[in-house]
């Protein structure tokens, strides 16, 4: 289940069952409407020899055929029931989210099963009676294709509307649906394809079926140019679909990618969508928002840096070290880094360079926790006093971690903690507080150790 979703309503199998039942009723009603459309076309074959034999066959085996037809729609009904009732608790939310997509596909499954049963019967008639039923088979295929298109698109649009307006806001007021296990995303291209099928492909298939039936009634042959024209219309529609889908999806893809970067605290990313429509307004608003977030973050970082430097200055004022130690160590770190980059023997990123230079003033913050009697002692420390003094490294790491706990710059946070904690470690393992040696010492702490003694 989704994390941090305490304000979302707890979803149960009972909720899933109720919503599934409501959607199943809608699927049944749309299927009934699809059956009415298919039956209206069937009657166009009255007078055709094949159709007359087919009707006679249906009347003779009416009960059996009705049972088979009912069975073809029982299969998807059972699948719908299993989908909403048989699932693990952690998948309940994901299945509620997926209901429109799944039910729109299941809704047309009955037609496919019905077509397969009908083709088997027609094949049996051909084998047993020697009557070629290809006309009925083609008409059944066209009828099922257009019924599948009609049912799946209408069901998807109806259920998606109910889902978006009522179900999702009720159960998922915080959104972030992709965080739920098993939930499926529906792309803009997929939605555009559904609309294209409903407004272009379905009417074309319906027109082909009606035209073909009309040709049987009036005994004429449809010219091939008509089919080419229909194919041309579909091709033009596909080109328009691709164009419109690209026009609508590309800005959204850029926006989604940019929001992912914003989520990862990369506020300096803008999206390059320039247009005079709503997408252009959305891009402009997003860029203004990201710029505002960047400025606010920079102000917060500036305040944070001022506080850290102020704490470091306060520590320095309590210490008997020579004045200006903070500035000298920071500048030494900068010089070392620049020289190492020139040598080319070390792979140092710009972010690492900025982080360690910014962390340098924090290396001795732990001295705040050291008693003045020890910290300000002018002479050498006794062994006991030195043990107390050595505690400033671990204490400094704790203080830095606490000061930076709300920072979203994980690299800087890690470097600053390591600098404070390990800057007194030595390559031979004789340092403190952990007596680690060699490459076990974090890279940034090694640099800081050198700068600290210059």
Protein backbone atom coordinates (compact mmCIF):
# COMPACT_ATOMS: atom_id res chain seq x y z
CA UNK A 1 0.00 0.00 0.00
CA UNK A 2 0.93 3.61 -0.41
CA UNK A 3 3.04 5.23 2.27
CA UNK A 4 1.93 8.40 4.08
CA UNK A 5 -1.68 7.91 3.05
CA UNK A 6 -3.23 8.40 6.49
CA UNK A 7 -5.84 10.82 5.16
CA UNK A 8 -7.00 8.42 2.49
CA UNK A 9 -10.00 6.29 3.29
CA UNK A 10 -9.19 2.68 4.10
CA UNK A 11 -10.26 0.52 1.17
CA UNK A 12 -11.82 -2.90 1.77
CA UNK A 13 -12.89 -5.81 -0.41
CA UNK A 14 -16.46 -4.76 0.34
CA UNK A 15 -15.85 -1.37 -1.28
CA UNK A 16 -14.30 -3.09 -4.28
CA UNK A 17 -17.29 -5.44 -4.52
CA UNK A 18 -19.84 -2.60 -4.42
CA UNK A 19 -18.06 -0.57 -7.09
CA UNK A 20 -17.47 -3.68 -9.18
CA UNK A 21 -21.18 -4.57 -9.01
CA UNK A 22 -22.22 -1.07 -10.11
CA UNK A 23 -19.77 -1.14 -13.00
CA UNK A 24 -20.85 -4.67 -13.98
CA UNK A 25 -24.46 -3.44 -14.29
CA UNK A 26 -23.28 -0.65 -16.59
CA UNK A 27 -21.32 -3.18 -18.67
CA UNK A 28 -24.44 -5.37 -18.98
CA UNK A 29 -26.59 -2.43 -20.09
CA UNK A 30 -24.06 -1.39 -22.73
CA UNK A 31 -23.83 -5.00 -23.93
CA UNK A 32 -27.63 -5.12 -24.29
CA UNK A 33 -27.45 -1.94 -26.36
CA UNK A 34 -24.74 -3.57 -28.50
CA UNK A 35 -26.97 -6.61 -29.01
CA UNK A 36 -29.82 -4.37 -30.20
CA UNK A 37 -27.51 -2.75 -32.75
CA UNK A 38 -26.32 -6.16 -33.97
CA UNK A 39 -29.86 -7.57 -34.21
CA UNK A 40 -31.06 -4.61 -36.30
CA UNK A 41 -28.42 -5.44 -38.91
CA UNK A 42 -29.22 -9.16 -38.91
CA UNK A 43 -32.74 -8.56 -40.15
CA UNK A 44 -31.35 -7.03 -43.31
CA UNK A 45 -30.65 -10.54 -44.56
CA UNK A 46 -34.30 -11.58 -44.86
CA UNK A 47 -34.73 -13.34 -48.24
CA UNK A 48 -31.15 -14.56 -48.44
CA UNK A 49 -30.93 -18.40 -48.76
CA UNK A 50 -28.11 -18.75 -46.31
CA UNK A 51 -29.92 -16.58 -43.80
CA UNK A 52 -33.16 -18.54 -44.21
CA UNK A 53 -31.32 -21.80 -43.46
CA UNK A 54 -29.57 -20.11 -40.52
CA UNK A 55 -32.87 -18.91 -39.03
CA UNK A 56 -34.37 -22.37 -39.47
CA UNK A 57 -31.36 -23.92 -37.75
CA UNK A 58 -31.64 -21.44 -34.88
CA UNK A 59 -35.34 -22.21 -34.42
CA UNK A 60 -34.68 -25.96 -34.33
CA UNK A 61 -31.92 -25.68 -31.73
CA UNK A 62 -33.15 -22.52 -30.05
CA UNK A 63 -32.75 -23.72 -26.45
CA UNK A 64 -29.22 -25.04 -26.95
CA UNK A 65 -28.08 -21.97 -28.88
CA UNK A 66 -29.57 -19.64 -26.27
CA UNK A 67 -27.68 -21.52 -23.56
CA UNK A 68 -24.44 -21.18 -25.54
CA UNK A 69 -25.09 -17.47 -26.09
CA UNK A 70 -25.77 -17.01 -22.39
CA UNK A 71 -22.60 -18.95 -21.59
CA UNK A 72 -20.54 -16.63 -23.79
CA UNK A 73 -21.55 -13.71 -21.57
CA UNK A 74 -21.33 -15.69 -18.34
CA UNK A 75 -17.58 -16.11 -18.87
CA UNK A 76 -16.76 -12.36 -18.63
CA UNK A 77 -19.31 -11.98 -15.81
CA UNK A 78 -17.49 -14.65 -13.81
CA UNK A 79 -14.16 -13.01 -14.57
CA UNK A 80 -15.53 -9.66 -13.34
CA UNK A 81 -16.66 -11.34 -10.12
CA UNK A 82 -13.30 -13.00 -9.59
CA UNK A 83 -11.43 -9.78 -10.32
CA UNK A 84 -13.18 -7.88 -7.53
CA UNK A 85 -13.49 -10.71 -5.02
CA UNK A 86 -10.30 -12.78 -5.31
CA UNK A 87 -7.34 -10.56 -4.53
CA UNK A 88 -4.86 -9.90 -1.77
CA UNK A 89 -5.53 -7.02 0.61
CA UNK A 90 -2.58 -4.97 -0.67
CA UNK A 91 -3.93 -5.17 -4.23
CA UNK A 92 -7.48 -3.95 -3.47
CA UNK A 93 -6.67 -0.28 -4.06
CA UNK A 94 -4.87 -1.02 -7.33
CA UNK A 95 -7.83 -3.03 -8.60
CA UNK A 96 -10.27 -0.23 -7.82
CA UNK A 97 -8.06 2.14 -9.79
CA UNK A 98 -7.95 -0.28 -12.76
CA UNK A 99 -11.70 -1.06 -12.91
CA UNK A 100 -12.60 1.09 -15.97
CA UNK A 101 -9.73 -0.31 -18.02
CA UNK A 102 -10.29 -3.93 -17.00
CA UNK A 103 -14.09 -3.87 -17.32
CA UNK A 104 -13.96 -2.20 -20.74
CA UNK A 105 -11.82 -5.11 -21.97
CA UNK A 106 -13.89 -7.75 -20.18
CA UNK A 107 -17.09 -6.18 -21.53
CA UNK A 108 -16.14 -7.06 -25.09
CA UNK A 109 -14.85 -10.51 -24.18
CA UNK A 110 -18.36 -12.01 -24.34
CA UNK A 111 -18.68 -10.99 -27.97
CA UNK A 112 -15.43 -12.73 -28.86
CA UNK A 113 -16.55 -15.93 -27.13
CA UNK A 114 -19.94 -15.66 -28.86
CA UNK A 115 -18.24 -15.27 -32.26
CA UNK A 116 -16.07 -18.35 -31.68
CA UNK A 117 -19.13 -20.44 -30.74
CA UNK A 118 -21.02 -19.15 -33.78
CA UNK A 119 -18.13 -19.97 -36.14
CA UNK A 120 -17.96 -23.49 -34.68
CA UNK A 121 -21.68 -23.94 -35.38
CA UNK A 122 -21.33 -22.61 -38.93
CA UNK A 123 -18.43 -24.99 -39.53
CA UNK A 124 -20.55 -27.87 -38.25
CA UNK A 125 -23.36 -26.89 -40.66
CA UNK A 126 -20.91 -26.80 -43.55
CA UNK A 127 -19.50 -30.23 -42.70
CA UNK A 128 -22.86 -31.86 -42.03
CA UNK A 129 -25.08 -30.18 -44.65
CA UNK A 130 -22.56 -29.01 -47.22
CA UNK A 131 -23.95 -25.48 -47.17
CA UNK A 132 -21.42 -22.67 -47.47
CA UNK A 133 -22.21 -20.17 -44.71
CA UNK A 134 -19.40 -17.72 -45.46
CA UNK A 135 -21.84 -14.79 -45.86
CA UNK A 136 -23.24 -15.34 -42.38
CA UNK A 137 -19.70 -15.82 -41.01
CA UNK A 138 -18.44 -12.54 -42.50
CA UNK A 139 -21.52 -10.70 -41.28
CA UNK A 140 -21.06 -12.19 -37.79
CA UNK A 141 -17.43 -11.12 -37.79
CA UNK A 142 -18.30 -7.55 -38.78
CA UNK A 143 -21.09 -7.48 -36.22
CA UNK A 144 -18.82 -8.70 -33.42
CA UNK A 145 -16.02 -6.30 -34.34
CA UNK A 146 -18.31 -3.29 -34.26
CA UNK A 147 -20.01 -4.55 -31.08
CA UNK A 148 -16.63 -5.00 -29.37
CA UNK A 149 -15.61 -1.51 -30.44
CA UNK A 150 -18.91 -0.05 -29.31
CA UNK A 151 -19.00 -1.84 -25.95
CA UNK A 152 -15.33 -1.33 -24.99
CA UNK A 153 -15.23 2.37 -25.87
CA UNK A 154 -18.62 3.28 -24.36
CA UNK A 155 -17.90 1.27 -21.20
CA UNK A 156 -14.45 2.84 -20.86
CA UNK A 157 -15.74 6.40 -21.26
CA UNK A 158 -18.71 5.87 -18.91
CA UNK A 159 -16.71 4.14 -16.19
CA UNK A 160 -13.78 6.55 -16.50
CA UNK A 161 -16.13 9.49 -16.04
CA UNK A 162 -17.72 7.97 -12.92
CA UNK A 163 -14.28 6.97 -11.68
CA UNK A 164 -12.79 10.42 -12.09
CA UNK A 165 -15.77 12.37 -10.76
CA UNK A 166 -16.85 10.17 -7.86
CA UNK A 167 -14.82 7.05 -7.01
CA UNK A 168 -11.21 8.28 -7.10
CA UNK A 169 -11.81 11.56 -5.20
CA UNK A 170 -13.72 9.63 -2.55
CA UNK A 171 -11.16 6.91 -1.91
CA UNK A 172 -7.93 8.65 -2.97
CA UNK A 173 -8.24 12.36 -2.06
CA UNK A 174 -4.44 12.69 -1.90
CA UNK A 175 -3.97 11.31 -5.42
CA UNK A 176 -0.61 9.69 -6.30
CA UNK A 177 -2.40 6.65 -7.71
CA UNK A 178 0.75 5.19 -9.26
CA UNK A 179 2.07 4.48 -5.74
CA UNK A 180 -0.50 1.73 -5.25
CA UNK A 181 0.52 -1.83 -6.03
CA UNK A 182 -0.87 -3.13 -9.30
CA UNK A 183 -2.30 0.19 -10.55
CA UNK A 184 -1.99 0.86 -14.27
CA UNK A 185 -1.35 4.19 -15.94
CA UNK A 186 -3.45 5.20 -18.94
CA UNK A 187 -1.48 7.40 -21.31
CA UNK A 188 -2.84 10.32 -23.30
CA UNK A 189 -2.19 8.34 -26.48
CA UNK A 190 -4.36 5.50 -25.19
CA UNK A 191 -7.23 7.86 -24.34
CA UNK A 192 -6.95 9.52 -27.74
CA UNK A 193 -7.05 6.08 -29.38
CA UNK A 194 -10.26 5.25 -27.53
CA UNK A 195 -11.88 8.47 -28.72
CA UNK A 196 -10.68 7.86 -32.27
CA UNK A 197 -12.17 4.38 -32.27
CA UNK A 198 -15.48 5.60 -30.91
CA UNK A 199 -15.91 8.53 -33.32
CA UNK A 200 -14.21 7.12 -36.44
CA UNK A 201 -13.61 3.37 -36.50
CA UNK A 202 -17.01 2.33 -35.07
CA UNK A 203 -19.06 4.47 -37.51
CA UNK A 204 -16.96 3.16 -40.43
CA UNK A 205 -17.49 -0.47 -39.45
CA UNK A 206 -21.17 0.19 -38.92
CA UNK A 207 -21.39 1.81 -42.35
CA UNK A 208 -19.61 -1.17 -43.95
CA UNK A 209 -22.03 -3.60 -42.32
CA UNK A 210 -25.11 -1.62 -43.35
CA UNK A 211 -23.82 -1.15 -46.88
CA UNK A 212 -23.03 -4.84 -47.22
CA UNK A 213 -26.45 -5.86 -45.92
CA UNK A 214 -28.13 -3.38 -48.26
CA UNK A 215 -26.25 -4.90 -51.20
CA UNK A 216 -27.67 -8.34 -50.36
CA UNK A 217 -31.22 -7.06 -50.14
CA UNK A 218 -31.09 -5.24 -53.49
CA UNK A 219 -28.74 -7.73 -55.15
CA UNK A 220 -25.95 -5.46 -56.28
CA UNK A 221 -22.18 -5.59 -55.98
CA UNK A 222 -20.34 -2.89 -54.06
CA UNK A 223 -17.64 -1.31 -56.20
CA UNK A 224 -14.08 -1.77 -54.95
CA UNK A 225 -13.58 2.00 -54.99
CA UNK A 226 -16.03 2.26 -52.08
CA UNK A 227 -13.83 0.01 -49.96
CA UNK A 228 -10.74 1.96 -50.99
CA UNK A 229 -12.49 5.17 -50.02
CA UNK A 230 -13.37 3.72 -46.61
CA UNK A 231 -9.80 2.54 -46.11
CA UNK A 232 -8.62 6.02 -47.09
CA UNK A 233 -10.92 7.58 -44.50
CA UNK A 234 -9.54 5.29 -41.81
CA UNK A 235 -5.94 6.10 -42.86
CA UNK A 236 -6.62 9.83 -42.73
CA UNK A 237 -8.17 9.32 -39.31
CA UNK A 238 -5.10 7.44 -38.11
CA UNK A 239 -2.82 10.24 -39.33
CA UNK A 240 -4.99 12.80 -37.53
CA UNK A 241 -4.96 10.62 -34.42
CA UNK A 242 -1.16 10.42 -34.39
CA UNK A 243 -0.86 14.16 -34.97
CA UNK A 244 -3.34 15.16 -32.27
CA UNK A 245 -1.99 12.58 -29.82
CA UNK A 246 1.55 13.90 -30.35
CA UNK A 247 0.34 17.48 -29.96
CA UNK A 248 -1.35 16.63 -26.66
CA UNK A 249 1.10 14.12 -25.19
CA UNK A 250 4.47 15.78 -25.80
CA UNK A 251 3.90 18.79 -23.52
CA UNK A 252 2.57 16.46 -20.84
CA UNK A 253 5.63 14.22 -21.13
CA UNK A 254 7.91 17.23 -20.73
CA UNK A 255 5.86 18.44 -17.77
CA UNK A 256 5.94 15.01 -16.12
CA UNK A 257 9.71 14.77 -16.58
CA UNK A 258 10.19 18.26 -15.17
CA UNK A 259 7.99 17.55 -12.14
CA UNK A 260 10.08 14.45 -11.41
CA UNK A 261 13.15 16.70 -11.36
CA UNK A 262 11.37 19.18 -9.08
CA UNK A 263 10.47 16.30 -6.77
CA UNK A 264 14.20 15.51 -6.60
CA UNK A 265 14.95 19.15 -5.65
CA UNK A 266 16.30 20.16 -9.07
CA UNK A 267 14.49 23.49 -9.18
CA UNK A 268 16.55 25.00 -12.00
CA UNK A 269 14.84 22.89 -14.70
CA UNK A 270 12.38 24.58 -17.07
CA UNK A 271 10.21 23.07 -19.78
CA UNK A 272 10.53 24.36 -23.33
CA UNK A 273 6.86 24.43 -24.38
CA UNK A 274 6.09 27.65 -26.23
CA UNK A 275 2.55 27.94 -27.56
CA UNK A 276 -0.47 30.22 -27.36
CA UNK A 277 -2.82 27.58 -25.94
CA UNK A 278 -3.46 26.10 -22.48
CA UNK A 279 -0.28 24.04 -22.71
CA UNK A 280 1.74 27.22 -23.13
CA UNK A 281 0.03 28.77 -20.08
CA UNK A 282 0.68 25.61 -18.09
CA UNK A 283 4.36 25.63 -19.08
CA UNK A 284 4.74 29.32 -18.21
CA UNK A 285 3.11 28.77 -14.81
CA UNK A 286 5.31 25.75 -14.16
CA UNK A 287 8.48 27.65 -15.10
CA UNK A 288 7.45 30.55 -12.85
CA UNK A 289 6.80 28.12 -10.01
CA UNK A 290 10.17 26.35 -10.44
CA UNK A 291 11.97 29.71 -10.55
CA UNK A 292 10.19 30.80 -7.38
CA UNK A 293 11.13 27.53 -5.65
CA UNK A 294 14.74 27.97 -6.76
CA UNK A 295 14.89 31.49 -5.34
CA UNK A 296 13.31 30.38 -2.07
CA UNK A 297 15.73 27.46 -1.76
CA UNK A 298 18.68 29.77 -2.42
CA UNK A 299 17.45 32.15 0.29
CA UNK A 300 17.05 29.26 2.73
CA UNK A 301 20.53 27.95 1.89
CA UNK A 302 21.98 31.44 2.35
CA UNK A 303 20.36 31.72 5.79
CA UNK A 304 21.52 28.19 6.64
CA UNK A 305 25.07 29.01 5.60
CA UNK A 306 25.02 32.21 7.64
CA UNK A 307 23.87 30.31 10.71
CA UNK A 308 26.52 27.62 10.22
CA UNK A 309 29.27 30.21 9.72
CA UNK A 310 28.02 32.10 12.76
CA UNK A 311 28.23 28.92 14.84
CA UNK A 312 31.72 28.27 13.51
CA UNK A 313 32.80 31.82 14.38
CA UNK A 314 31.34 31.38 17.85
CA UNK A 315 33.37 28.19 18.32
CA UNK A 316 36.49 29.94 17.02
CA UNK A 317 35.98 32.80 19.49
CA UNK A 318 36.05 30.27 22.35
CA UNK A 319 39.18 28.57 21.08
CA UNK A 320 42.72 29.84 21.52
CA UNK A 321 43.48 29.05 17.88
CA UNK A 322 44.92 31.78 15.74
CA UNK A 323 42.19 34.03 14.36
CA UNK A 324 40.87 33.40 10.89
CA UNK A 325 41.17 29.61 11.09
CA UNK A 326 37.75 29.14 9.44
CA UNK A 327 38.58 31.28 6.41
CA UNK A 328 42.06 29.75 6.06
CA UNK A 329 40.83 26.16 6.11
CA UNK A 330 38.08 26.92 3.58
CA UNK A 331 40.58 28.60 1.28
CA UNK A 332 43.06 25.73 1.69
CA UNK A 333 40.35 23.25 0.75
CA UNK A 334 39.61 25.30 -2.35
CA UNK A 335 43.30 25.41 -3.35
CA UNK A 336 43.75 21.67 -2.81
CA UNK A 337 40.66 20.84 -4.87
CA UNK A 338 41.69 23.10 -7.75
CA UNK A 339 45.19 21.60 -7.84
CA UNK A 340 43.84 18.04 -7.75
CA UNK A 341 41.52 18.85 -10.66
CA UNK A 342 44.46 20.25 -12.64
CA UNK A 343 46.52 17.11 -12.03
CA UNK A 344 43.67 15.05 -13.44
CA UNK A 345 44.48 12.12 -11.17
CA UNK A 346 41.27 12.57 -9.19
CA UNK A 347 37.73 12.62 -10.53
CA UNK A 348 36.15 15.51 -8.62
CA UNK A 349 32.68 16.72 -9.55
CA UNK A 350 31.58 20.32 -9.25
CA UNK A 351 28.93 19.37 -6.69
CA UNK A 352 31.57 17.62 -4.54
CA UNK A 353 33.85 20.66 -4.74
CA UNK A 354 31.09 23.07 -3.72
CA UNK A 355 29.92 20.78 -0.91
CA UNK A 356 33.32 20.29 0.74
CA UNK A 357 34.19 24.00 0.53
CA UNK A 358 30.84 24.82 2.14
CA UNK A 359 31.33 22.10 4.76
CA UNK A 360 34.86 23.19 5.74
CA UNK A 361 33.77 25.83 8.30
CA UNK A 362 31.74 23.14 10.09
CA UNK A 363 34.62 20.80 10.84
CA UNK A 364 35.14 21.99 14.43
CA UNK A 365 31.52 22.61 15.48
CA UNK A 366 31.88 19.84 18.04
CA UNK A 367 34.09 22.11 20.13
CA UNK A 368 30.87 23.75 21.34
CA UNK A 369 30.42 20.69 23.55
CA UNK A 370 33.94 20.92 25.02
CA UNK A 371 34.30 22.60 28.41
CA UNK A 372 36.04 26.01 28.37
CA UNK A 373 38.58 24.83 30.91
CA UNK A 374 39.85 22.33 28.37
CA UNK A 375 39.18 24.21 25.16
CA UNK A 376 40.85 27.47 26.29
CA UNK A 377 43.76 25.88 28.15
CA UNK A 378 46.93 27.62 26.95
CA UNK A 379 49.37 24.75 27.51
CA UNK A 380 49.52 21.07 26.60
CA UNK A 381 46.59 18.83 27.46
CA UNK A 382 46.85 16.14 30.03
CA UNK A 383 45.92 12.64 28.77
CA UNK A 384 42.49 13.03 30.41
CA UNK A 385 41.96 16.47 28.87
CA UNK A 386 43.04 15.19 25.46
CA UNK A 387 40.46 12.40 25.69
CA UNK A 388 37.80 15.06 26.35
CA UNK A 389 39.11 17.16 23.47
CA UNK A 390 38.99 14.20 21.09
CA UNK A 391 35.26 13.90 21.68
CA UNK A 392 34.66 17.06 19.63
CA UNK A 393 34.89 15.11 16.35
CA UNK A 394 32.02 12.72 17.13
CA UNK A 395 30.05 15.51 18.83
CA UNK A 396 30.58 17.69 15.77
CA UNK A 397 29.17 15.00 13.49
CA UNK A 398 26.07 14.78 15.70
CA UNK A 399 25.60 18.56 15.68
CA UNK A 400 26.07 18.79 11.90
CA UNK A 401 23.60 15.96 11.34
CA UNK A 402 21.04 17.69 13.56
CA UNK A 403 21.57 21.09 11.93
CA UNK A 404 21.24 19.65 8.41
CA UNK A 405 18.51 17.07 9.05
CA UNK A 406 15.96 19.09 7.04
CA UNK A 407 18.34 19.74 4.16
CA UNK A 408 17.37 18.11 0.87
CA UNK A 409 20.96 18.10 -0.39
CA UNK A 410 21.98 14.59 0.61
CA UNK A 411 25.47 14.85 -0.88
CA UNK A 412 26.31 17.99 1.10
CA UNK A 413 24.83 16.51 4.27
CA UNK A 414 26.97 13.37 3.99
CA UNK A 415 30.16 15.31 3.20
CA UNK A 416 29.63 17.77 6.06
CA UNK A 417 29.07 14.96 8.58
CA UNK A 418 32.15 13.07 7.38
CA UNK A 419 34.30 16.22 7.49
CA UNK A 420 33.31 16.91 11.10
CA UNK A 421 33.61 13.28 12.19
CA UNK A 422 36.79 12.07 10.53
CA UNK A 423 39.02 15.12 9.94
CA UNK A 424 41.40 14.01 12.74
CA UNK A 425 41.85 10.47 11.42
CA UNK A 426 45.33 9.60 10.08
CA UNK A 427 46.48 7.43 7.19
CA UNK A 428 48.36 5.09 9.57
CA UNK A 429 45.34 4.64 11.84
CA UNK A 430 46.71 6.63 14.79
CA UNK A 431 44.07 9.35 14.58
CA UNK A 432 40.73 9.72 16.32
CA UNK A 433 37.88 9.15 17.09
CA UNK A 434 37.55 5.77 15.26
CA UNK A 435 41.24 5.08 14.47
CA UNK A 436 40.46 4.17 10.87
CA UNK A 437 43.24 4.22 8.28
CA UNK A 438 44.06 4.50 4.60
CA UNK A 439 41.21 4.62 2.14
CA UNK A 440 38.74 3.76 4.88
CA UNK A 441 38.88 7.45 5.74
CA UNK A 442 36.29 9.31 3.64
CA UNK A 443 37.87 11.25 0.80
CA UNK A 444 36.49 14.60 1.96
CA UNK A 445 37.83 14.02 5.50
CA UNK A 446 41.34 13.39 4.13
CA UNK A 447 41.24 16.71 2.28
CA UNK A 448 39.93 18.48 5.36
CA UNK A 449 42.65 16.91 7.56
CA UNK A 450 45.35 18.41 5.32
CA UNK A 451 43.71 21.82 5.25
CA UNK A 452 43.25 21.79 9.05
CA UNK A 453 47.00 21.59 9.76
CA UNK A 454 48.14 24.23 7.23
